[in-house]
């Protein structure tokens, strides 16, 4: 048999915390008075210790969940920053492609004017459109 003070010392909590736990578990009426203190038998002691362990496990689970949420929020912020960075890079690349296309068009125009060749954009889609078929020999 142990006293409230002994159990409180073992668990590292206050005597009042043990008294509150005894009241919450409904063990108050089953305790025996031993002089000025209550005597707690082994089964009651096991119930009290088990309730404290459950509370600690619950607190640890809550702390782990909070840490996980914090980690997820941090990761989400990093990913959002990465997305913004990549969007900016795509924007720059689009501008570079537009400049390159303009330079290519200017080069084609210059080359076509020196060789007197039609531009790709000026050519008909069907390259055989200008050819006559064998059955069209009577047309000019």
N, C-alpha and C. Protein backbone atom coordinates (compact mmCIF):
# COMPACT_ATOMS: atom_id res chain seq x y z
N UNK A 1 0.83 -1.18 0.00
CA UNK A 1 0.00 0.00 0.00
C UNK A 1 0.88 1.25 0.00
N UNK A 2 0.46 2.23 -0.81
CA UNK A 2 1.23 3.47 -0.92
C UNK A 2 0.32 4.64 -0.60
N UNK A 3 0.97 5.77 -0.33
CA UNK A 3 0.21 6.99 -0.07
C UNK A 3 0.17 7.83 -1.34
N UNK A 4 -0.67 8.84 -1.31
CA UNK A 4 -0.78 9.77 -2.46
C UNK A 4 0.56 10.43 -2.71
N UNK A 5 1.26 10.81 -1.65
CA UNK A 5 2.56 11.48 -1.79
C UNK A 5 3.58 10.56 -2.45
N UNK A 6 3.58 9.29 -2.11
CA UNK A 6 4.54 8.35 -2.69
C UNK A 6 4.28 8.16 -4.19
N UNK A 7 3.02 8.02 -4.55
CA UNK A 7 2.68 7.85 -5.97
C UNK A 7 3.01 9.12 -6.75
N UNK A 8 2.73 10.28 -6.14
CA UNK A 8 3.03 11.55 -6.80
C UNK A 8 4.53 11.68 -7.05
N UNK A 9 5.33 11.25 -6.11
CA UNK A 9 6.79 11.30 -6.26
C UNK A 9 7.24 10.36 -7.38
N UNK A 10 6.68 9.14 -7.41
CA UNK A 10 7.04 8.18 -8.46
C UNK A 10 6.72 8.71 -9.86
N UNK A 11 5.56 9.34 -9.98
CA UNK A 11 5.12 9.81 -11.30
C UNK A 11 5.67 11.19 -11.66
N UNK A 12 6.19 11.89 -10.66
CA UNK A 12 6.73 13.22 -10.92
C UNK A 12 5.64 14.26 -11.10
N UNK A 13 4.52 14.08 -10.38
CA UNK A 13 3.42 15.04 -10.44
C UNK A 13 3.10 15.48 -9.02
N UNK A 14 2.21 16.44 -8.90
CA UNK A 14 1.85 16.94 -7.57
C UNK A 14 0.83 16.02 -6.89
N UNK A 15 0.74 16.15 -5.57
CA UNK A 15 -0.26 15.37 -4.82
C UNK A 15 -1.66 15.77 -5.27
N UNK A 16 -1.85 17.04 -5.58
CA UNK A 16 -3.17 17.50 -6.02
C UNK A 16 -3.55 16.85 -7.35
N UNK A 17 -2.58 16.65 -8.24
CA UNK A 17 -2.87 15.97 -9.51
C UNK A 17 -3.33 14.54 -9.26
N UNK A 18 -2.70 13.87 -8.27
CA UNK A 18 -3.11 12.51 -7.92
C UNK A 18 -4.51 12.53 -7.33
N UNK A 19 -4.79 13.48 -6.44
CA UNK A 19 -6.14 13.59 -5.85
C UNK A 19 -7.19 13.83 -6.94
N UNK A 20 -6.88 14.72 -7.88
CA UNK A 20 -7.83 14.98 -8.98
C UNK A 20 -8.07 13.73 -9.81
N UNK A 21 -7.01 12.99 -10.07
CA UNK A 21 -7.13 11.77 -10.87
C UNK A 21 -7.98 10.73 -10.12
N UNK A 22 -7.77 10.62 -8.81
CA UNK A 22 -8.57 9.70 -8.00
C UNK A 22 -10.04 10.08 -8.08
N UNK A 23 -10.33 11.38 -8.01
CA UNK A 23 -11.72 11.85 -8.09
C UNK A 23 -12.30 11.57 -9.48
N UNK A 24 -11.52 11.81 -10.54
CA UNK A 24 -12.00 11.56 -11.90
C UNK A 24 -12.27 10.08 -12.15
N UNK A 25 -11.47 9.21 -11.55
CA UNK A 25 -11.64 7.77 -11.73
C UNK A 25 -12.72 7.19 -10.81
N UNK A 26 -13.19 7.97 -9.86
CA UNK A 26 -14.23 7.51 -8.93
C UNK A 26 -13.70 6.57 -7.86
N UNK A 27 -12.44 6.75 -7.49
CA UNK A 27 -11.82 5.89 -6.50
C UNK A 27 -11.87 6.48 -5.09
N UNK A 28 -12.40 7.66 -4.94
CA UNK A 28 -12.40 8.37 -3.66
C UNK A 28 -13.07 7.55 -2.56
N UNK A 29 -14.17 6.94 -2.87
CA UNK A 29 -14.93 6.22 -1.84
C UNK A 29 -14.27 4.89 -1.46
N UNK A 30 -13.41 4.36 -2.33
CA UNK A 30 -12.81 3.06 -2.04
C UNK A 30 -11.44 3.17 -1.36
N UNK A 31 -10.97 4.37 -1.11
CA UNK A 31 -9.68 4.55 -0.44
C UNK A 31 -9.83 4.30 1.06
N UNK A 32 -8.76 3.75 1.66
CA UNK A 32 -8.76 3.54 3.11
C UNK A 32 -7.91 4.60 3.76
N UNK A 33 -8.43 5.07 4.88
CA UNK A 33 -7.70 6.09 5.64
C UNK A 33 -6.69 5.39 6.53
N UNK A 34 -5.45 5.87 6.46
CA UNK A 34 -4.38 5.30 7.29
C UNK A 34 -3.75 6.45 8.05
N UNK A 35 -4.26 6.77 9.17
CA UNK A 35 -3.80 7.92 9.95
C UNK A 35 -4.26 9.20 9.27
N UNK A 36 -3.31 10.06 8.88
CA UNK A 36 -3.64 11.32 8.22
C UNK A 36 -3.60 11.20 6.69
N UNK A 37 -3.27 10.03 6.18
CA UNK A 37 -3.18 9.88 4.74
C UNK A 37 -4.05 8.73 4.27
N UNK A 38 -4.26 8.68 2.97
CA UNK A 38 -5.03 7.61 2.38
C UNK A 38 -4.08 6.51 1.94
N UNK A 39 -4.51 5.26 2.15
CA UNK A 39 -3.73 4.11 1.69
C UNK A 39 -4.32 3.65 0.36
N UNK A 40 -3.46 3.55 -0.63
CA UNK A 40 -3.90 3.17 -1.97
C UNK A 40 -3.35 1.78 -2.25
N UNK A 41 -4.26 0.85 -2.56
CA UNK A 41 -3.78 -0.51 -2.83
C UNK A 41 -3.22 -0.60 -4.25
N UNK A 42 -2.68 -1.79 -4.59
CA UNK A 42 -1.96 -1.97 -5.85
C UNK A 42 -2.86 -1.82 -7.08
N UNK A 43 -4.09 -2.29 -7.02
CA UNK A 43 -4.99 -2.18 -8.18
C UNK A 43 -5.37 -0.73 -8.43
N UNK A 44 -5.61 0.02 -7.34
CA UNK A 44 -5.93 1.44 -7.49
C UNK A 44 -4.70 2.21 -8.01
N UNK A 45 -3.54 1.84 -7.51
CA UNK A 45 -2.30 2.46 -7.98
C UNK A 45 -2.11 2.22 -9.47
N UNK A 46 -2.39 1.00 -9.91
CA UNK A 46 -2.25 0.67 -11.33
C UNK A 46 -3.21 1.50 -12.18
N UNK A 47 -4.44 1.68 -11.70
CA UNK A 47 -5.41 2.51 -12.43
C UNK A 47 -4.95 3.96 -12.53
N UNK A 48 -4.42 4.47 -11.46
CA UNK A 48 -3.96 5.87 -11.44
C UNK A 48 -2.78 6.05 -12.40
N UNK A 49 -1.82 5.14 -12.31
CA UNK A 49 -0.65 5.23 -13.19
C UNK A 49 -1.05 5.07 -14.65
N UNK A 50 -1.99 4.17 -14.92
CA UNK A 50 -2.45 3.96 -16.29
C UNK A 50 -3.11 5.21 -16.84
N UNK A 51 -3.88 5.91 -16.02
CA UNK A 51 -4.55 7.12 -16.50
C UNK A 51 -3.53 8.22 -16.81
N UNK A 52 -2.46 8.30 -16.02
CA UNK A 52 -1.41 9.28 -16.31
C UNK A 52 -0.65 8.91 -17.59
N UNK A 53 -0.40 7.62 -17.80
CA UNK A 53 0.28 7.18 -19.01
C UNK A 53 -0.56 7.49 -20.25
N UNK A 54 -1.86 7.28 -20.16
CA UNK A 54 -2.75 7.58 -21.29
C UNK A 54 -2.73 9.07 -21.60
N UNK A 55 -2.70 9.87 -20.55
CA UNK A 55 -2.66 11.32 -20.75
C UNK A 55 -1.35 11.72 -21.43
N UNK A 56 -0.23 11.13 -20.98
CA UNK A 56 1.07 11.44 -21.59
C UNK A 56 1.11 11.00 -23.05
N UNK A 57 0.54 9.82 -23.33
CA UNK A 57 0.51 9.34 -24.72
C UNK A 57 -0.34 10.28 -25.58
N UNK A 58 -1.45 10.74 -25.03
CA UNK A 58 -2.32 11.66 -25.76
C UNK A 58 -1.59 12.98 -26.03
N UNK A 59 -0.89 13.48 -25.03
CA UNK A 59 -0.13 14.73 -25.21
C UNK A 59 0.97 14.55 -26.24
N UNK A 60 1.66 13.40 -26.19
CA UNK A 60 2.71 13.13 -27.18
C UNK A 60 2.14 13.04 -28.59
N UNK A 61 0.96 12.41 -28.71
CA UNK A 61 0.32 12.30 -30.02
C UNK A 61 -0.06 13.68 -30.53
N UNK A 62 -0.58 14.53 -29.65
CA UNK A 62 -0.95 15.89 -30.05
C UNK A 62 0.28 16.68 -30.46
N UNK A 63 1.38 16.51 -29.72
CA UNK A 63 2.61 17.22 -30.06
C UNK A 63 3.15 16.74 -31.40
N UNK A 64 3.11 15.44 -31.63
CA UNK A 64 3.57 14.89 -32.91
C UNK A 64 2.72 15.41 -34.05
N UNK A 65 1.41 15.46 -33.85
CA UNK A 65 0.50 15.96 -34.89
C UNK A 65 0.79 17.43 -35.18
N UNK A 66 1.03 18.22 -34.15
CA UNK A 66 1.35 19.63 -34.33
C UNK A 66 2.66 19.80 -35.10
N UNK A 67 3.66 18.98 -34.76
CA UNK A 67 4.95 19.05 -35.46
C UNK A 67 4.78 18.65 -36.93
N UNK A 68 3.95 17.64 -37.18
CA UNK A 68 3.70 17.20 -38.55
C UNK A 68 3.02 18.30 -39.35
N UNK A 69 2.02 18.94 -38.75
CA UNK A 69 1.33 20.04 -39.44
C UNK A 69 2.29 21.19 -39.72
N UNK A 70 3.15 21.49 -38.78
CA UNK A 70 4.13 22.55 -38.97
C UNK A 70 5.08 22.22 -40.12
N UNK A 71 5.52 20.97 -40.16
CA UNK A 71 6.41 20.53 -41.23
C UNK A 71 5.71 20.60 -42.58
N UNK A 72 4.46 20.19 -42.62
CA UNK A 72 3.70 20.24 -43.87
C UNK A 72 3.51 21.69 -44.34
N UNK A 73 3.22 22.59 -43.42
CA UNK A 73 3.05 23.99 -43.79
C UNK A 73 4.35 24.57 -44.33
N UNK A 74 5.46 24.22 -43.71
CA UNK A 74 6.77 24.69 -44.17
C UNK A 74 7.05 24.16 -45.57
N UNK A 75 6.79 22.88 -45.77
CA UNK A 75 7.01 22.26 -47.09
C UNK A 75 6.13 22.92 -48.14
N UNK A 76 4.89 23.20 -47.78
CA UNK A 76 3.97 23.85 -48.71
C UNK A 76 4.48 25.23 -49.11
N UNK A 77 4.98 25.99 -48.15
CA UNK A 77 5.54 27.32 -48.46
C UNK A 77 6.74 27.20 -49.40
N UNK A 78 7.60 26.20 -49.15
CA UNK A 78 8.75 26.00 -50.03
C UNK A 78 8.30 25.66 -51.45
N UNK A 79 7.32 24.80 -51.57
CA UNK A 79 6.82 24.42 -52.89
C UNK A 79 6.19 25.61 -53.62
N UNK A 80 5.45 26.43 -52.89
CA UNK A 80 4.86 27.62 -53.50
C UNK A 80 5.94 28.57 -54.01
N UNK A 81 7.01 28.73 -53.24
CA UNK A 81 8.12 29.57 -53.67
C UNK A 81 8.79 28.99 -54.91
N UNK A 82 8.94 27.68 -54.94
CA UNK A 82 9.55 27.01 -56.10
C UNK A 82 8.68 27.20 -57.34
N UNK A 83 7.38 27.10 -57.18
CA UNK A 83 6.46 27.29 -58.31
C UNK A 83 6.57 28.71 -58.85
N UNK A 84 6.61 29.69 -57.97
CA UNK A 84 6.74 31.09 -58.41
C UNK A 84 8.06 31.29 -59.15
N UNK A 85 9.14 30.71 -58.64
CA UNK A 85 10.44 30.81 -59.30
C UNK A 85 10.39 30.19 -60.70
N UNK A 86 9.78 29.02 -60.81
CA UNK A 86 9.69 28.35 -62.11
C UNK A 86 8.81 29.13 -63.08
N UNK A 87 7.75 29.75 -62.58
CA UNK A 87 6.90 30.58 -63.45
C UNK A 87 7.69 31.75 -64.02
N UNK A 88 8.52 32.35 -63.18
CA UNK A 88 9.36 33.46 -63.65
C UNK A 88 10.35 32.98 -64.71
N UNK A 89 10.92 31.81 -64.50
CA UNK A 89 11.85 31.27 -65.49
C UNK A 89 11.14 30.99 -66.82
N UNK A 90 9.95 30.45 -66.76
CA UNK A 90 9.19 30.18 -67.98
C UNK A 90 8.89 31.48 -68.71
N UNK A 91 8.55 32.52 -67.96
CA UNK A 91 8.26 33.82 -68.56
C UNK A 91 9.49 34.35 -69.30
N UNK A 92 10.65 34.24 -68.67
CA UNK A 92 11.89 34.69 -69.30
C UNK A 92 12.17 33.87 -70.56
N UNK A 93 11.98 32.56 -70.48
CA UNK A 93 12.23 31.69 -71.64
C UNK A 93 11.27 32.02 -72.78
N UNK A 94 10.01 32.30 -72.47
CA UNK A 94 9.05 32.69 -73.50
C UNK A 94 9.49 33.96 -74.21
N UNK A 95 10.00 34.92 -73.44
CA UNK A 95 10.49 36.16 -74.04
C UNK A 95 11.70 35.88 -74.94
N UNK A 96 12.59 35.01 -74.50
CA UNK A 96 13.76 34.66 -75.30
C UNK A 96 13.34 33.96 -76.60
N UNK A 97 12.34 33.10 -76.51
CA UNK A 97 11.86 32.40 -77.71
C UNK A 97 11.24 33.39 -78.68
N UNK A 98 10.48 34.36 -78.17
CA UNK A 98 9.87 35.37 -79.03
C UNK A 98 10.94 36.18 -79.75
N UNK A 99 11.99 36.57 -79.05
CA UNK A 99 13.08 37.32 -79.66
C UNK A 99 13.78 36.47 -80.72
N UNK A 100 14.00 35.19 -80.41
CA UNK A 100 14.66 34.30 -81.37
C UNK A 100 13.80 34.11 -82.62
N UNK A 101 12.49 34.00 -82.45
CA UNK A 101 11.59 33.86 -83.60
C UNK A 101 11.62 35.10 -84.49
N UNK A 102 11.65 36.25 -83.88
CA UNK A 102 11.73 37.50 -84.66
C UNK A 102 13.05 37.55 -85.43
N UNK A 103 14.13 37.16 -84.79
CA UNK A 103 15.43 37.16 -85.47
C UNK A 103 15.43 36.16 -86.61
N UNK A 104 14.81 35.01 -86.42
CA UNK A 104 14.73 34.00 -87.46
C UNK A 104 13.93 34.51 -88.66
N UNK A 105 12.82 35.18 -88.39
CA UNK A 105 12.00 35.73 -89.47
C UNK A 105 12.79 36.78 -90.25
N UNK A 106 13.51 37.63 -89.53
CA UNK A 106 14.30 38.66 -90.20
C UNK A 106 15.40 38.02 -91.05
N UNK A 107 15.99 36.96 -90.55
CA UNK A 107 17.03 36.26 -91.30
C UNK A 107 16.44 35.60 -92.55
N UNK A 108 15.25 35.03 -92.44
CA UNK A 108 14.60 34.42 -93.60
C UNK A 108 14.29 35.46 -94.66
N UNK A 109 13.80 36.60 -94.23
CA UNK A 109 13.47 37.67 -95.17
C UNK A 109 14.74 38.13 -95.90
N UNK A 110 15.79 38.33 -95.15
CA UNK A 110 17.04 38.76 -95.74
C UNK A 110 17.58 37.72 -96.73
N UNK A 111 17.55 36.46 -96.32
CA UNK A 111 18.04 35.39 -97.17
C UNK A 111 17.17 35.24 -98.42
N UNK A 112 15.87 35.34 -98.25
CA UNK A 112 14.96 35.20 -99.39
C UNK A 112 15.13 36.35 -100.37
N UNK A 113 15.39 37.53 -99.86
CA UNK A 113 15.54 38.67 -100.75
C UNK A 113 16.84 38.57 -101.56
N UNK A 114 17.86 37.96 -100.98
CA UNK A 114 19.11 37.83 -101.72
C UNK A 114 19.05 36.69 -102.73
N UNK A 115 18.26 35.67 -102.49
CA UNK A 115 18.17 34.52 -103.38
C UNK A 115 16.90 34.53 -104.22
N UNK A 116 16.03 35.48 -103.95
CA UNK A 116 14.76 35.57 -104.67
C UNK A 116 13.93 34.28 -104.51
N UNK A 117 13.83 33.81 -103.25
CA UNK A 117 13.09 32.59 -102.91
C UNK A 117 11.84 33.01 -102.13
N UNK A 118 10.71 32.35 -102.37
CA UNK A 118 9.53 32.69 -101.58
C UNK A 118 9.72 32.25 -100.12
N UNK A 119 9.15 33.00 -99.21
CA UNK A 119 9.27 32.67 -97.79
C UNK A 119 8.41 31.46 -97.47
N UNK A 120 8.76 30.77 -96.40
CA UNK A 120 7.98 29.61 -95.99
C UNK A 120 6.54 30.00 -95.69
N UNK A 121 6.37 31.18 -95.16
CA UNK A 121 5.01 31.61 -94.84
C UNK A 121 4.23 31.96 -96.10
N UNK A 122 4.93 32.25 -97.20
CA UNK A 122 4.25 32.61 -98.45
C UNK A 122 3.93 31.39 -99.31
N UNK A 123 4.51 30.21 -99.01
CA UNK A 123 4.30 29.03 -99.83
C UNK A 123 2.92 28.44 -99.56
N UNK A 124 2.28 27.92 -100.61
CA UNK A 124 0.96 27.30 -100.40
C UNK A 124 1.11 26.05 -99.55
N UNK A 125 0.04 25.70 -98.88
CA UNK A 125 0.07 24.53 -98.01
C UNK A 125 0.27 23.26 -98.84
N UNK A 126 -0.38 23.19 -99.97
CA UNK A 126 -0.23 22.03 -100.84
C UNK A 126 0.83 22.38 -101.88
N UNK A 127 2.02 21.84 -101.74
CA UNK A 127 3.11 22.20 -102.63
C UNK A 127 2.88 21.72 -104.05
N UNK A 128 1.97 20.81 -104.24
CA UNK A 128 1.67 20.31 -105.57
C UNK A 128 0.55 21.12 -106.22
N UNK A 129 0.15 22.20 -105.58
CA UNK A 129 -0.97 22.98 -106.12
C UNK A 129 -0.62 23.57 -107.49
N UNK A 130 0.65 23.89 -107.73
CA UNK A 130 1.05 24.48 -109.00
C UNK A 130 1.29 23.44 -110.09
N UNK A 131 1.38 22.18 -109.76
CA UNK A 131 1.64 21.14 -110.75
C UNK A 131 0.33 20.73 -111.42
N UNK A 132 0.46 20.37 -112.69
CA UNK A 132 -0.71 19.90 -113.43
C UNK A 132 -0.72 18.40 -113.43
N UNK A 133 -1.86 17.85 -113.37
CA UNK A 133 -2.02 16.41 -113.41
C UNK A 133 -2.03 15.94 -114.87
N UNK A 134 -1.84 14.67 -115.05
CA UNK A 134 -1.81 14.12 -116.40
C UNK A 134 -3.13 14.34 -117.12
N UNK A 135 -4.22 14.30 -116.42
CA UNK A 135 -5.52 14.49 -117.05
C UNK A 135 -5.82 15.97 -117.31
N UNK A 136 -4.93 16.86 -116.85
CA UNK A 136 -5.14 18.28 -117.07
C UNK A 136 -4.26 18.82 -118.21
N UNK A 137 -3.79 17.95 -119.06
CA UNK A 137 -2.85 18.39 -120.12
C UNK A 137 -3.46 19.42 -121.06
N UNK A 138 -4.78 19.43 -121.23
CA UNK A 138 -5.40 20.38 -122.14
C UNK A 138 -5.54 21.77 -121.53
N UNK A 139 -5.34 21.91 -120.21
CA UNK A 139 -5.41 23.23 -119.57
C UNK A 139 -4.04 23.87 -119.54
N UNK A 140 -4.07 25.12 -119.53
CA UNK A 140 -2.80 25.83 -119.42
C UNK A 140 -2.65 26.42 -118.07
